[in-house]
N, C-alpha and C. Protein backbone atom coordinates (compact mmCIF):
# COMPACT_ATOMS: atom_id res chain seq x y z
N MET A 1 0.85 -1.18 0.00
CA MET A 1 0.00 0.00 0.00
C MET A 1 0.89 1.24 0.00
N SER A 2 0.68 2.15 -0.92
CA SER A 2 1.49 3.36 -1.00
C SER A 2 0.97 4.39 0.00
N ILE A 3 1.89 5.11 0.62
CA ILE A 3 1.52 6.12 1.60
C ILE A 3 1.68 7.49 0.95
N HIS A 4 0.63 8.29 0.96
CA HIS A 4 0.70 9.62 0.37
C HIS A 4 1.40 10.57 1.33
N ARG A 5 2.48 11.18 0.88
CA ARG A 5 3.22 12.12 1.73
C ARG A 5 2.71 13.52 1.48
N GLN A 6 2.35 14.19 2.53
CA GLN A 6 1.87 15.56 2.43
C GLN A 6 3.01 16.49 2.02
N ASN A 7 2.68 17.53 1.26
CA ASN A 7 3.69 18.50 0.85
C ASN A 7 4.34 19.17 2.05
N ILE A 8 5.59 19.57 1.87
CA ILE A 8 6.31 20.33 2.90
C ILE A 8 5.82 21.77 2.83
N SER A 9 5.30 22.29 3.93
CA SER A 9 4.79 23.67 3.93
C SER A 9 5.94 24.65 4.18
N LEU A 10 5.94 25.73 3.40
CA LEU A 10 7.05 26.68 3.42
C LEU A 10 6.55 28.11 3.61
N LEU A 11 7.22 28.85 4.49
CA LEU A 11 6.99 30.29 4.64
C LEU A 11 8.23 31.00 4.12
N ILE A 12 8.05 31.94 3.19
CA ILE A 12 9.18 32.72 2.65
C ILE A 12 9.16 34.10 3.30
N VAL A 13 10.30 34.51 3.87
CA VAL A 13 10.40 35.81 4.52
C VAL A 13 11.47 36.65 3.82
N ASP A 14 11.02 37.73 3.16
CA ASP A 14 11.92 38.64 2.44
C ASP A 14 11.20 39.95 2.24
N ASP A 15 11.91 41.07 2.36
CA ASP A 15 11.23 42.37 2.26
C ASP A 15 11.19 42.92 0.84
N HIS A 16 11.69 42.16 -0.13
CA HIS A 16 11.65 42.60 -1.52
C HIS A 16 10.57 41.82 -2.27
N PRO A 17 9.49 42.48 -2.71
CA PRO A 17 8.40 41.80 -3.42
C PRO A 17 8.88 41.03 -4.65
N VAL A 18 9.88 41.58 -5.35
CA VAL A 18 10.40 40.90 -6.55
C VAL A 18 11.04 39.56 -6.17
N VAL A 19 11.77 39.56 -5.04
CA VAL A 19 12.41 38.32 -4.58
C VAL A 19 11.35 37.30 -4.17
N LEU A 20 10.33 37.77 -3.44
CA LEU A 20 9.26 36.88 -3.00
C LEU A 20 8.56 36.23 -4.20
N GLU A 21 8.22 37.06 -5.19
CA GLU A 21 7.55 36.52 -6.38
C GLU A 21 8.46 35.57 -7.13
N GLY A 22 9.74 35.93 -7.18
CA GLY A 22 10.71 35.06 -7.87
C GLY A 22 10.84 33.71 -7.19
N MET A 23 10.89 33.73 -5.86
CA MET A 23 10.97 32.48 -5.09
C MET A 23 9.73 31.62 -5.29
N LYS A 24 8.56 32.27 -5.23
CA LYS A 24 7.31 31.54 -5.44
C LYS A 24 7.28 30.90 -6.83
N ALA A 25 7.74 31.67 -7.82
CA ALA A 25 7.75 31.16 -9.19
C ALA A 25 8.72 29.98 -9.34
N LEU A 26 9.88 30.08 -8.66
CA LEU A 26 10.87 29.00 -8.71
C LEU A 26 10.29 27.69 -8.18
N LEU A 27 9.47 27.81 -7.12
CA LEU A 27 8.98 26.62 -6.43
C LEU A 27 7.60 26.17 -6.90
N LEU A 28 7.04 26.91 -7.87
CA LEU A 28 5.68 26.65 -8.31
C LEU A 28 5.48 25.23 -8.84
N ASP A 29 6.48 24.73 -9.55
CA ASP A 29 6.34 23.42 -10.20
C ASP A 29 6.71 22.25 -9.28
N SER A 30 7.12 22.56 -8.05
CA SER A 30 7.52 21.49 -7.15
C SER A 30 6.30 20.73 -6.63
N ASP A 31 6.38 19.40 -6.70
CA ASP A 31 5.28 18.59 -6.15
C ASP A 31 5.57 18.18 -4.70
N LEU A 32 6.66 18.73 -4.16
CA LEU A 32 7.06 18.40 -2.79
C LEU A 32 6.86 19.57 -1.83
N VAL A 33 7.12 20.79 -2.33
CA VAL A 33 7.09 21.98 -1.49
C VAL A 33 5.89 22.85 -1.85
N GLU A 34 5.17 23.27 -0.82
CA GLU A 34 4.02 24.15 -1.02
C GLU A 34 4.24 25.45 -0.25
N VAL A 35 4.23 26.58 -0.96
CA VAL A 35 4.42 27.88 -0.31
C VAL A 35 3.13 28.26 0.41
N SER A 36 3.18 28.26 1.74
CA SER A 36 1.98 28.57 2.55
C SER A 36 1.71 30.06 2.60
N ALA A 37 2.80 30.86 2.69
CA ALA A 37 2.64 32.31 2.80
C ALA A 37 3.98 32.98 2.55
N CYS A 38 3.92 34.31 2.35
CA CYS A 38 5.12 35.13 2.23
C CYS A 38 4.99 36.31 3.18
N CYS A 39 6.06 36.65 3.86
CA CYS A 39 6.05 37.78 4.79
C CYS A 39 7.21 38.72 4.45
N GLY A 40 6.99 40.03 4.70
CA GLY A 40 8.01 41.01 4.34
C GLY A 40 8.71 41.64 5.53
N SER A 41 8.37 41.20 6.75
CA SER A 41 9.00 41.78 7.94
C SER A 41 9.00 40.76 9.07
N GLY A 42 9.77 41.08 10.12
CA GLY A 42 9.83 40.20 11.27
C GLY A 42 8.52 40.14 12.02
N SER A 43 7.89 41.29 12.21
CA SER A 43 6.62 41.32 12.96
C SER A 43 5.54 40.54 12.23
N GLU A 44 5.50 40.68 10.91
CA GLU A 44 4.52 39.94 10.11
C GLU A 44 4.75 38.43 10.21
N THR A 45 6.03 38.06 10.22
CA THR A 45 6.41 36.64 10.32
C THR A 45 5.95 36.04 11.64
N LEU A 46 6.23 36.75 12.74
CA LEU A 46 5.86 36.24 14.07
C LEU A 46 4.34 36.19 14.23
N SER A 47 3.64 37.18 13.69
CA SER A 47 2.17 37.18 13.75
C SER A 47 1.61 35.96 13.02
N PHE A 48 2.17 35.69 11.85
CA PHE A 48 1.73 34.53 11.07
C PHE A 48 1.98 33.23 11.83
N LEU A 49 3.19 33.10 12.40
CA LEU A 49 3.56 31.85 13.07
C LEU A 49 2.85 31.65 14.40
N GLN A 50 2.33 32.72 14.99
CA GLN A 50 1.52 32.56 16.20
C GLN A 50 0.19 31.90 15.87
N GLU A 51 -0.26 32.08 14.64
CA GLU A 51 -1.55 31.53 14.21
C GLU A 51 -1.41 30.19 13.49
N GLN A 52 -0.33 30.02 12.75
CA GLN A 52 -0.17 28.83 11.90
C GLN A 52 1.23 28.25 12.04
N THR A 53 1.34 26.98 11.70
CA THR A 53 2.66 26.33 11.70
C THR A 53 3.06 26.00 10.26
N VAL A 54 4.35 25.98 10.03
CA VAL A 54 4.89 25.52 8.74
C VAL A 54 6.06 24.59 9.04
N ASP A 55 6.42 23.79 8.05
CA ASP A 55 7.57 22.88 8.24
C ASP A 55 8.89 23.63 8.16
N VAL A 56 8.96 24.59 7.22
CA VAL A 56 10.24 25.28 6.94
C VAL A 56 9.99 26.78 6.74
N VAL A 57 10.92 27.59 7.27
CA VAL A 57 10.93 29.02 6.98
C VAL A 57 12.20 29.33 6.19
N LEU A 58 12.02 29.95 5.02
CA LEU A 58 13.14 30.42 4.21
C LEU A 58 13.32 31.89 4.57
N LEU A 59 14.39 32.21 5.30
CA LEU A 59 14.50 33.49 6.00
C LEU A 59 15.63 34.37 5.47
N ASP A 60 15.25 35.54 4.94
CA ASP A 60 16.25 36.53 4.53
C ASP A 60 16.92 37.10 5.77
N ILE A 61 18.23 37.31 5.71
CA ILE A 61 18.95 37.81 6.88
C ILE A 61 18.72 39.31 7.08
N ASN A 62 18.51 40.04 5.98
CA ASN A 62 18.31 41.49 6.07
C ASN A 62 16.84 41.85 5.94
N LEU A 63 16.25 42.29 7.05
CA LEU A 63 14.85 42.69 7.06
C LEU A 63 14.74 44.12 7.60
N PRO A 64 13.65 44.83 7.28
CA PRO A 64 13.56 46.24 7.66
C PRO A 64 13.40 46.50 9.15
N ASP A 65 12.77 45.59 9.88
CA ASP A 65 12.45 45.86 11.29
C ASP A 65 13.25 45.04 12.29
N VAL A 66 13.95 44.03 11.83
CA VAL A 66 14.70 43.17 12.75
C VAL A 66 15.78 42.42 11.96
N SER A 67 16.86 42.07 12.64
CA SER A 67 17.88 41.24 12.00
C SER A 67 17.34 39.82 11.83
N GLY A 68 17.59 39.24 10.67
CA GLY A 68 17.17 37.86 10.44
C GLY A 68 17.80 36.90 11.43
N ILE A 69 18.98 37.27 11.92
CA ILE A 69 19.68 36.44 12.92
C ILE A 69 18.86 36.39 14.21
N ASP A 70 18.38 37.58 14.65
CA ASP A 70 17.56 37.63 15.87
C ASP A 70 16.19 36.98 15.63
N LEU A 71 15.64 37.22 14.44
CA LEU A 71 14.32 36.66 14.13
C LEU A 71 14.37 35.13 14.12
N CYS A 72 15.47 34.57 13.65
CA CYS A 72 15.64 33.12 13.64
C CYS A 72 15.47 32.55 15.05
N LYS A 73 16.10 33.19 16.02
CA LYS A 73 16.00 32.75 17.41
C LYS A 73 14.56 32.83 17.91
N GLN A 74 13.86 33.92 17.55
CA GLN A 74 12.47 34.09 17.97
C GLN A 74 11.56 33.04 17.34
N ILE A 75 11.82 32.74 16.07
CA ILE A 75 11.03 31.71 15.38
C ILE A 75 11.19 30.36 16.08
N LYS A 76 12.44 30.01 16.42
CA LYS A 76 12.70 28.71 17.06
C LYS A 76 12.11 28.65 18.46
N GLN A 77 12.05 29.80 19.15
CA GLN A 77 11.42 29.81 20.48
C GLN A 77 9.92 29.62 20.36
N LEU A 78 9.34 30.24 19.32
CA LEU A 78 7.90 30.17 19.10
C LEU A 78 7.49 28.82 18.52
N ARG A 79 8.26 28.33 17.55
CA ARG A 79 7.95 27.06 16.86
C ARG A 79 9.22 26.20 16.81
N PRO A 80 9.55 25.50 17.90
CA PRO A 80 10.79 24.71 17.95
C PRO A 80 10.91 23.65 16.85
N ASN A 81 9.78 23.15 16.36
CA ASN A 81 9.83 22.08 15.35
C ASN A 81 9.90 22.61 13.92
N THR A 82 9.86 23.92 13.75
CA THR A 82 9.97 24.51 12.42
C THR A 82 11.45 24.66 12.07
N HIS A 83 11.80 24.24 10.86
CA HIS A 83 13.19 24.34 10.39
C HIS A 83 13.40 25.69 9.72
N VAL A 84 14.55 26.31 10.00
CA VAL A 84 14.86 27.62 9.41
C VAL A 84 16.06 27.50 8.48
N ILE A 85 15.87 27.98 7.23
CA ILE A 85 16.98 28.06 6.27
C ILE A 85 17.23 29.54 6.01
N ALA A 86 18.45 30.00 6.29
CA ALA A 86 18.82 31.38 5.99
C ALA A 86 19.06 31.51 4.49
N ILE A 87 18.62 32.64 3.93
CA ILE A 87 18.92 32.91 2.52
C ILE A 87 19.50 34.31 2.45
N SER A 88 20.65 34.44 1.82
CA SER A 88 21.38 35.70 1.91
C SER A 88 22.28 35.91 0.70
N ASN A 89 22.65 37.18 0.48
CA ASN A 89 23.67 37.50 -0.52
C ASN A 89 25.06 37.38 0.09
N TYR A 90 25.10 37.27 1.42
CA TYR A 90 26.39 37.32 2.12
C TYR A 90 26.90 35.92 2.46
N ASN A 91 28.14 35.69 2.06
CA ASN A 91 28.77 34.40 2.33
C ASN A 91 29.88 34.62 3.36
N GLU A 92 29.47 35.04 4.56
CA GLU A 92 30.45 35.35 5.60
C GLU A 92 30.32 34.35 6.75
N ARG A 93 31.44 33.87 7.20
CA ARG A 93 31.43 32.84 8.22
C ARG A 93 30.73 33.30 9.50
N SER A 94 30.94 34.58 9.88
CA SER A 94 30.33 35.07 11.12
C SER A 94 28.81 35.00 11.06
N MET A 95 28.25 35.35 9.89
CA MET A 95 26.79 35.30 9.73
C MET A 95 26.29 33.87 9.76
N VAL A 96 27.00 32.99 9.07
CA VAL A 96 26.61 31.57 9.05
C VAL A 96 26.62 31.01 10.46
N THR A 97 27.68 31.30 11.19
CA THR A 97 27.82 30.78 12.56
C THR A 97 26.71 31.30 13.47
N LYS A 98 26.41 32.60 13.36
CA LYS A 98 25.36 33.19 14.21
C LYS A 98 24.00 32.58 13.90
N MET A 99 23.72 32.35 12.62
CA MET A 99 22.44 31.73 12.26
C MET A 99 22.35 30.31 12.82
N LEU A 100 23.43 29.57 12.75
CA LEU A 100 23.46 28.21 13.30
C LEU A 100 23.24 28.23 14.81
N GLN A 101 23.92 29.16 15.47
CA GLN A 101 23.79 29.26 16.93
C GLN A 101 22.35 29.61 17.34
N ASN A 102 21.65 30.34 16.48
CA ASN A 102 20.27 30.73 16.79
C ASN A 102 19.23 29.74 16.29
N GLY A 103 19.69 28.59 15.79
CA GLY A 103 18.76 27.51 15.48
C GLY A 103 18.55 27.17 14.03
N ALA A 104 19.17 27.92 13.11
CA ALA A 104 19.02 27.59 11.68
C ALA A 104 19.73 26.27 11.37
N THR A 105 19.20 25.54 10.41
CA THR A 105 19.86 24.30 10.00
C THR A 105 20.20 24.31 8.50
N GLY A 106 20.09 25.50 7.89
CA GLY A 106 20.45 25.62 6.48
C GLY A 106 20.88 27.04 6.17
N TYR A 107 21.74 27.18 5.14
CA TYR A 107 22.20 28.50 4.72
C TYR A 107 22.46 28.44 3.22
N VAL A 108 21.64 29.15 2.45
CA VAL A 108 21.80 29.16 1.00
C VAL A 108 21.96 30.60 0.51
N LEU A 109 22.59 30.74 -0.63
CA LEU A 109 22.78 32.07 -1.22
C LEU A 109 21.63 32.38 -2.17
N LYS A 110 21.40 33.68 -2.40
CA LYS A 110 20.23 34.09 -3.19
C LYS A 110 20.34 33.75 -4.67
N ASN A 111 21.52 33.33 -5.10
CA ASN A 111 21.65 32.91 -6.49
C ASN A 111 21.34 31.42 -6.67
N ALA A 112 20.81 30.79 -5.61
CA ALA A 112 20.52 29.34 -5.65
C ALA A 112 19.40 29.04 -6.65
N SER A 113 19.51 27.90 -7.28
CA SER A 113 18.48 27.46 -8.22
C SER A 113 17.31 26.85 -7.44
N ALA A 114 16.19 26.66 -8.14
CA ALA A 114 15.03 26.01 -7.51
C ALA A 114 15.42 24.62 -7.02
N GLU A 115 16.22 23.92 -7.80
CA GLU A 115 16.65 22.56 -7.44
C GLU A 115 17.42 22.57 -6.12
N GLU A 116 18.32 23.57 -5.97
CA GLU A 116 19.12 23.63 -4.74
C GLU A 116 18.25 23.98 -3.54
N ILE A 117 17.32 24.93 -3.72
CA ILE A 117 16.45 25.32 -2.61
C ILE A 117 15.60 24.13 -2.16
N ILE A 118 15.06 23.40 -3.12
CA ILE A 118 14.25 22.22 -2.78
C ILE A 118 15.11 21.18 -2.08
N ASN A 119 16.34 21.01 -2.55
CA ASN A 119 17.27 20.07 -1.92
C ASN A 119 17.57 20.49 -0.49
N ALA A 120 17.76 21.80 -0.26
CA ALA A 120 18.01 22.31 1.08
C ALA A 120 16.82 22.05 1.99
N ILE A 121 15.61 22.28 1.47
CA ILE A 121 14.38 22.06 2.24
C ILE A 121 14.26 20.58 2.62
N LYS A 122 14.47 19.70 1.66
CA LYS A 122 14.39 18.25 1.94
C LYS A 122 15.44 17.85 2.98
N THR A 123 16.63 18.42 2.89
CA THR A 123 17.72 18.07 3.80
C THR A 123 17.38 18.45 5.23
N VAL A 124 16.91 19.70 5.45
CA VAL A 124 16.64 20.14 6.83
C VAL A 124 15.43 19.43 7.42
N VAL A 125 14.45 19.09 6.58
CA VAL A 125 13.28 18.35 7.07
C VAL A 125 13.70 16.97 7.57
N ASN A 126 14.76 16.43 6.96
CA ASN A 126 15.31 15.14 7.39
C ASN A 126 16.32 15.29 8.52
N LYS A 127 16.27 16.48 9.17
CA LYS A 127 17.08 16.75 10.37
C LYS A 127 18.58 16.70 10.11
N LYS A 128 18.97 17.20 8.93
CA LYS A 128 20.38 17.36 8.60
C LYS A 128 20.64 18.82 8.26
N VAL A 129 21.90 19.21 8.25
CA VAL A 129 22.27 20.59 7.97
C VAL A 129 22.60 20.75 6.50
N TYR A 130 22.17 21.89 5.90
CA TYR A 130 22.47 22.13 4.48
C TYR A 130 23.18 23.47 4.31
N PHE A 131 24.30 23.45 3.59
CA PHE A 131 25.00 24.68 3.20
C PHE A 131 25.13 24.70 1.68
N SER A 132 24.97 25.90 1.07
CA SER A 132 25.32 26.05 -0.33
C SER A 132 26.80 25.69 -0.51
N GLU A 133 27.15 25.25 -1.71
CA GLU A 133 28.53 24.82 -1.96
C GLU A 133 29.53 25.95 -1.66
N GLU A 134 29.16 27.19 -2.06
CA GLU A 134 30.06 28.33 -1.82
C GLU A 134 30.25 28.56 -0.33
N VAL A 135 29.18 28.35 0.45
CA VAL A 135 29.25 28.54 1.90
C VAL A 135 30.16 27.47 2.52
N GLN A 136 29.99 26.23 2.06
CA GLN A 136 30.85 25.14 2.55
C GLN A 136 32.31 25.46 2.27
N GLN A 137 32.58 25.94 1.05
CA GLN A 137 33.95 26.25 0.65
C GLN A 137 34.53 27.36 1.52
N SER A 138 33.71 28.37 1.79
CA SER A 138 34.15 29.49 2.63
C SER A 138 34.49 29.01 4.04
N LEU A 139 33.63 28.18 4.62
CA LEU A 139 33.88 27.66 5.96
C LEU A 139 35.13 26.79 5.99
N PHE A 140 35.31 25.99 4.93
CA PHE A 140 36.45 25.08 4.85
C PHE A 140 37.75 25.87 4.74
N GLU A 141 37.73 26.94 3.91
CA GLU A 141 38.94 27.76 3.73
C GLU A 141 39.35 28.43 5.03
N VAL A 142 38.37 28.93 5.77
CA VAL A 142 38.66 29.58 7.04
C VAL A 142 39.24 28.56 8.02
N ALA A 143 38.68 27.35 8.02
CA ALA A 143 39.18 26.30 8.91
C ALA A 143 40.63 25.96 8.59
N LEU A 144 40.98 25.96 7.28
CA LEU A 144 42.36 25.68 6.87
C LEU A 144 43.29 26.80 7.32
N GLU A 145 42.79 28.05 7.21
CA GLU A 145 43.61 29.20 7.58
C GLU A 145 43.80 29.29 9.09
N ASP A 146 42.82 28.78 9.83
CA ASP A 146 42.84 28.93 11.29
C ASP A 146 42.62 27.58 11.97
N PRO A 147 43.61 26.67 11.84
CA PRO A 147 43.43 25.32 12.40
C PRO A 147 43.28 25.32 13.92
N LEU A 148 43.75 26.39 14.59
CA LEU A 148 43.62 26.45 16.05
C LEU A 148 42.17 26.61 16.49
N ASP A 149 41.32 27.03 15.52
CA ASP A 149 39.91 27.24 15.83
C ASP A 149 39.16 25.91 15.99
N LEU A 150 39.80 24.83 15.55
CA LEU A 150 39.17 23.52 15.57
C LEU A 150 39.33 22.88 16.94
N PRO A 151 38.22 22.51 17.60
CA PRO A 151 38.35 21.86 18.92
C PRO A 151 39.12 20.54 18.81
N LYS A 152 39.97 20.30 19.80
CA LYS A 152 40.74 19.05 19.82
C LYS A 152 39.91 17.98 20.55
N LEU A 153 39.60 16.90 19.82
CA LEU A 153 38.78 15.83 20.39
C LEU A 153 39.60 14.56 20.55
N THR A 154 39.31 13.82 21.62
CA THR A 154 39.93 12.51 21.78
C THR A 154 39.21 11.52 20.85
N ARG A 155 39.82 10.36 20.66
CA ARG A 155 39.20 9.34 19.79
C ARG A 155 37.83 8.94 20.33
N ARG A 156 37.72 8.80 21.64
CA ARG A 156 36.45 8.41 22.24
C ARG A 156 35.40 9.51 22.07
N GLU A 157 35.82 10.76 22.21
CA GLU A 157 34.89 11.87 22.01
C GLU A 157 34.38 11.90 20.57
N GLN A 158 35.26 11.59 19.62
CA GLN A 158 34.85 11.53 18.21
C GLN A 158 33.80 10.43 18.00
N GLU A 159 34.01 9.29 18.66
CA GLU A 159 33.06 8.17 18.54
C GLU A 159 31.71 8.55 19.13
N VAL A 160 31.73 9.18 20.30
CA VAL A 160 30.48 9.59 20.95
C VAL A 160 29.77 10.64 20.10
N LEU A 161 30.54 11.57 19.54
CA LEU A 161 29.97 12.62 18.69
C LEU A 161 29.25 12.02 17.48
N ARG A 162 29.88 11.05 16.85
CA ARG A 162 29.26 10.39 15.68
C ARG A 162 27.95 9.70 16.09
N CYS A 163 27.97 9.05 17.25
CA CYS A 163 26.76 8.37 17.73
C CYS A 163 25.63 9.37 18.02
N ILE A 164 25.98 10.50 18.63
CA ILE A 164 24.99 11.54 18.91
C ILE A 164 24.38 12.03 17.59
N ALA A 165 25.24 12.25 16.60
CA ALA A 165 24.78 12.72 15.29
C ALA A 165 23.84 11.72 14.63
N GLU A 166 24.03 10.44 14.94
CA GLU A 166 23.17 9.39 14.38
C GLU A 166 21.87 9.23 15.17
N GLY A 167 21.72 10.03 16.24
CA GLY A 167 20.47 10.03 17.00
C GLY A 167 20.39 8.95 18.06
N LYS A 168 21.54 8.36 18.41
CA LYS A 168 21.52 7.28 19.41
C LYS A 168 21.35 7.85 20.82
N THR A 169 20.69 7.11 21.68
CA THR A 169 20.48 7.52 23.08
C THR A 169 21.74 7.23 23.88
N THR A 170 21.80 7.78 25.09
CA THR A 170 22.94 7.53 25.99
C THR A 170 23.13 6.04 26.22
N ALA A 171 22.03 5.32 26.46
CA ALA A 171 22.11 3.87 26.72
C ALA A 171 22.65 3.14 25.49
N GLU A 172 22.16 3.52 24.31
CA GLU A 172 22.61 2.86 23.07
C GLU A 172 24.08 3.12 22.81
N ILE A 173 24.53 4.36 23.07
CA ILE A 173 25.95 4.69 22.87
C ILE A 173 26.81 3.88 23.83
N GLY A 174 26.35 3.78 25.08
CA GLY A 174 27.09 3.00 26.08
C GLY A 174 27.25 1.56 25.66
N GLU A 175 26.16 0.94 25.17
CA GLU A 175 26.21 -0.45 24.72
C GLU A 175 27.14 -0.63 23.54
N LEU A 176 27.06 0.32 22.59
CA LEU A 176 27.85 0.23 21.37
C LEU A 176 29.35 0.37 21.65
N LEU A 177 29.69 1.27 22.57
CA LEU A 177 31.10 1.57 22.84
C LEU A 177 31.63 0.85 24.09
N PHE A 178 30.76 0.04 24.73
CA PHE A 178 31.15 -0.72 25.92
C PHE A 178 31.61 0.20 27.06
N ILE A 179 30.85 1.30 27.26
CA ILE A 179 31.14 2.20 28.37
C ILE A 179 29.83 2.47 29.12
N SER A 180 29.94 2.95 30.36
CA SER A 180 28.74 3.17 31.17
C SER A 180 27.99 4.43 30.70
N PRO A 181 26.69 4.50 30.97
CA PRO A 181 25.92 5.70 30.64
C PRO A 181 26.53 6.96 31.26
N HIS A 182 27.05 6.82 32.47
CA HIS A 182 27.67 7.96 33.15
C HIS A 182 28.88 8.47 32.35
N THR A 183 29.68 7.54 31.82
CA THR A 183 30.85 7.92 31.02
C THR A 183 30.41 8.60 29.72
N VAL A 184 29.34 8.09 29.13
CA VAL A 184 28.79 8.71 27.91
C VAL A 184 28.39 10.16 28.20
N GLU A 185 27.69 10.36 29.32
CA GLU A 185 27.24 11.72 29.69
C GLU A 185 28.43 12.64 29.95
N THR A 186 29.49 12.09 30.53
CA THR A 186 30.71 12.88 30.76
C THR A 186 31.30 13.34 29.44
N HIS A 187 31.38 12.42 28.48
CA HIS A 187 31.90 12.78 27.14
C HIS A 187 30.99 13.82 26.48
N ARG A 188 29.67 13.63 26.63
CA ARG A 188 28.70 14.56 26.04
C ARG A 188 28.91 15.99 26.60
N LYS A 189 29.09 16.07 27.93
CA LYS A 189 29.31 17.38 28.57
C LYS A 189 30.62 18.00 28.10
N ASN A 190 31.67 17.16 27.99
CA ASN A 190 32.96 17.66 27.52
C ASN A 190 32.86 18.20 26.09
N LEU A 191 32.11 17.48 25.24
CA LEU A 191 31.94 17.91 23.85
C LEU A 191 31.21 19.25 23.79
N MET A 192 30.14 19.39 24.57
CA MET A 192 29.38 20.63 24.55
C MET A 192 30.22 21.80 25.07
N GLN A 193 31.08 21.51 26.03
CA GLN A 193 31.97 22.54 26.57
C GLN A 193 33.00 22.96 25.52
N LYS A 194 33.58 21.97 24.81
CA LYS A 194 34.59 22.27 23.81
C LYS A 194 34.01 23.06 22.63
N PHE A 195 32.76 22.76 22.29
CA PHE A 195 32.13 23.46 21.17
C PHE A 195 31.34 24.69 21.62
N ASN A 196 31.33 24.93 22.94
CA ASN A 196 30.65 26.09 23.51
C ASN A 196 29.16 26.12 23.12
N VAL A 197 28.48 24.99 23.32
CA VAL A 197 27.05 24.90 23.03
C VAL A 197 26.34 24.33 24.26
N SER A 198 24.99 24.45 24.24
CA SER A 198 24.23 24.05 25.43
C SER A 198 23.33 22.84 25.22
N ASN A 199 23.24 22.33 23.98
CA ASN A 199 22.40 21.16 23.75
C ASN A 199 22.94 20.33 22.58
N ALA A 200 22.38 19.13 22.42
CA ALA A 200 22.88 18.19 21.41
C ALA A 200 22.66 18.70 19.99
N ALA A 201 21.51 19.37 19.76
CA ALA A 201 21.21 19.88 18.40
C ALA A 201 22.25 20.90 17.97
N ALA A 202 22.59 21.81 18.89
CA ALA A 202 23.61 22.82 18.58
C ALA A 202 24.98 22.17 18.40
N LEU A 203 25.25 21.13 19.19
CA LEU A 203 26.52 20.40 19.07
C LEU A 203 26.66 19.81 17.67
N ILE A 204 25.59 19.19 17.18
CA ILE A 204 25.63 18.57 15.85
C ILE A 204 25.82 19.63 14.76
N ARG A 205 25.10 20.76 14.92
CA ARG A 205 25.22 21.83 13.92
C ARG A 205 26.65 22.35 13.82
N VAL A 206 27.25 22.62 14.99
CA VAL A 206 28.60 23.20 14.98
C VAL A 206 29.62 22.16 14.52
N ALA A 207 29.46 20.90 14.95
CA ALA A 207 30.39 19.84 14.52
C ALA A 207 30.31 19.64 13.01
N THR A 208 29.10 19.79 12.45
CA THR A 208 28.93 19.68 11.00
C THR A 208 29.65 20.83 10.31
N GLN A 209 29.53 22.01 10.89
CA GLN A 209 30.22 23.19 10.35
C GLN A 209 31.72 22.94 10.28
N TYR A 210 32.28 22.31 11.32
CA TYR A 210 33.70 22.00 11.35
C TYR A 210 34.05 20.76 10.52
N GLN A 211 33.01 20.16 9.91
CA GLN A 211 33.19 18.97 9.06
C GLN A 211 33.78 17.80 9.85
N LEU A 212 33.35 17.69 11.12
CA LEU A 212 33.81 16.58 11.95
C LEU A 212 32.86 15.40 11.88
N ILE A 213 31.66 15.62 11.33
CA ILE A 213 30.71 14.52 11.16
C ILE A 213 30.05 14.64 9.79
């Protein structure tokens, strides 16, 4: 028996009407993504999300009334299960990092094709992080230039990190690596401290940024 999958609902946030119409037109032929609404400001976005939920928000970083970076955090506080993809003309590591820290799981550039945007949407819905190729290259180049920025992990910490990224529980990680749950939690705390994050989701995002998983 085939199971009908409902379309992924999308909210586009951008203050330029031409960009909004262009995005809608790009995604019009998609049988996977359905544009639920378009908003031109942060206040409009939050008002919409207080009334309705969407699977994904495609969020411009530059908005007239609020920074997209701050708005991303507000969206995640209001709708924790909604995925946020930043869309920007700027390919700067500081912006990418701030968006990730505030809960975004994707970052694409405004020259992205419909195929890439749909691919980014599918990726984040599957609880993985998506970067445009240019963004990945930029992050990688900075990492090469500044190797001291990379947290030093022990072999066991690397193993625990991979297990966390795979969604395994503390008990499952302990069984797999033949260590106690308490030891797993110790490694988890050490990892979060080294990456300067407060939860597992942020740990995975930052570790992905460093290309450690």
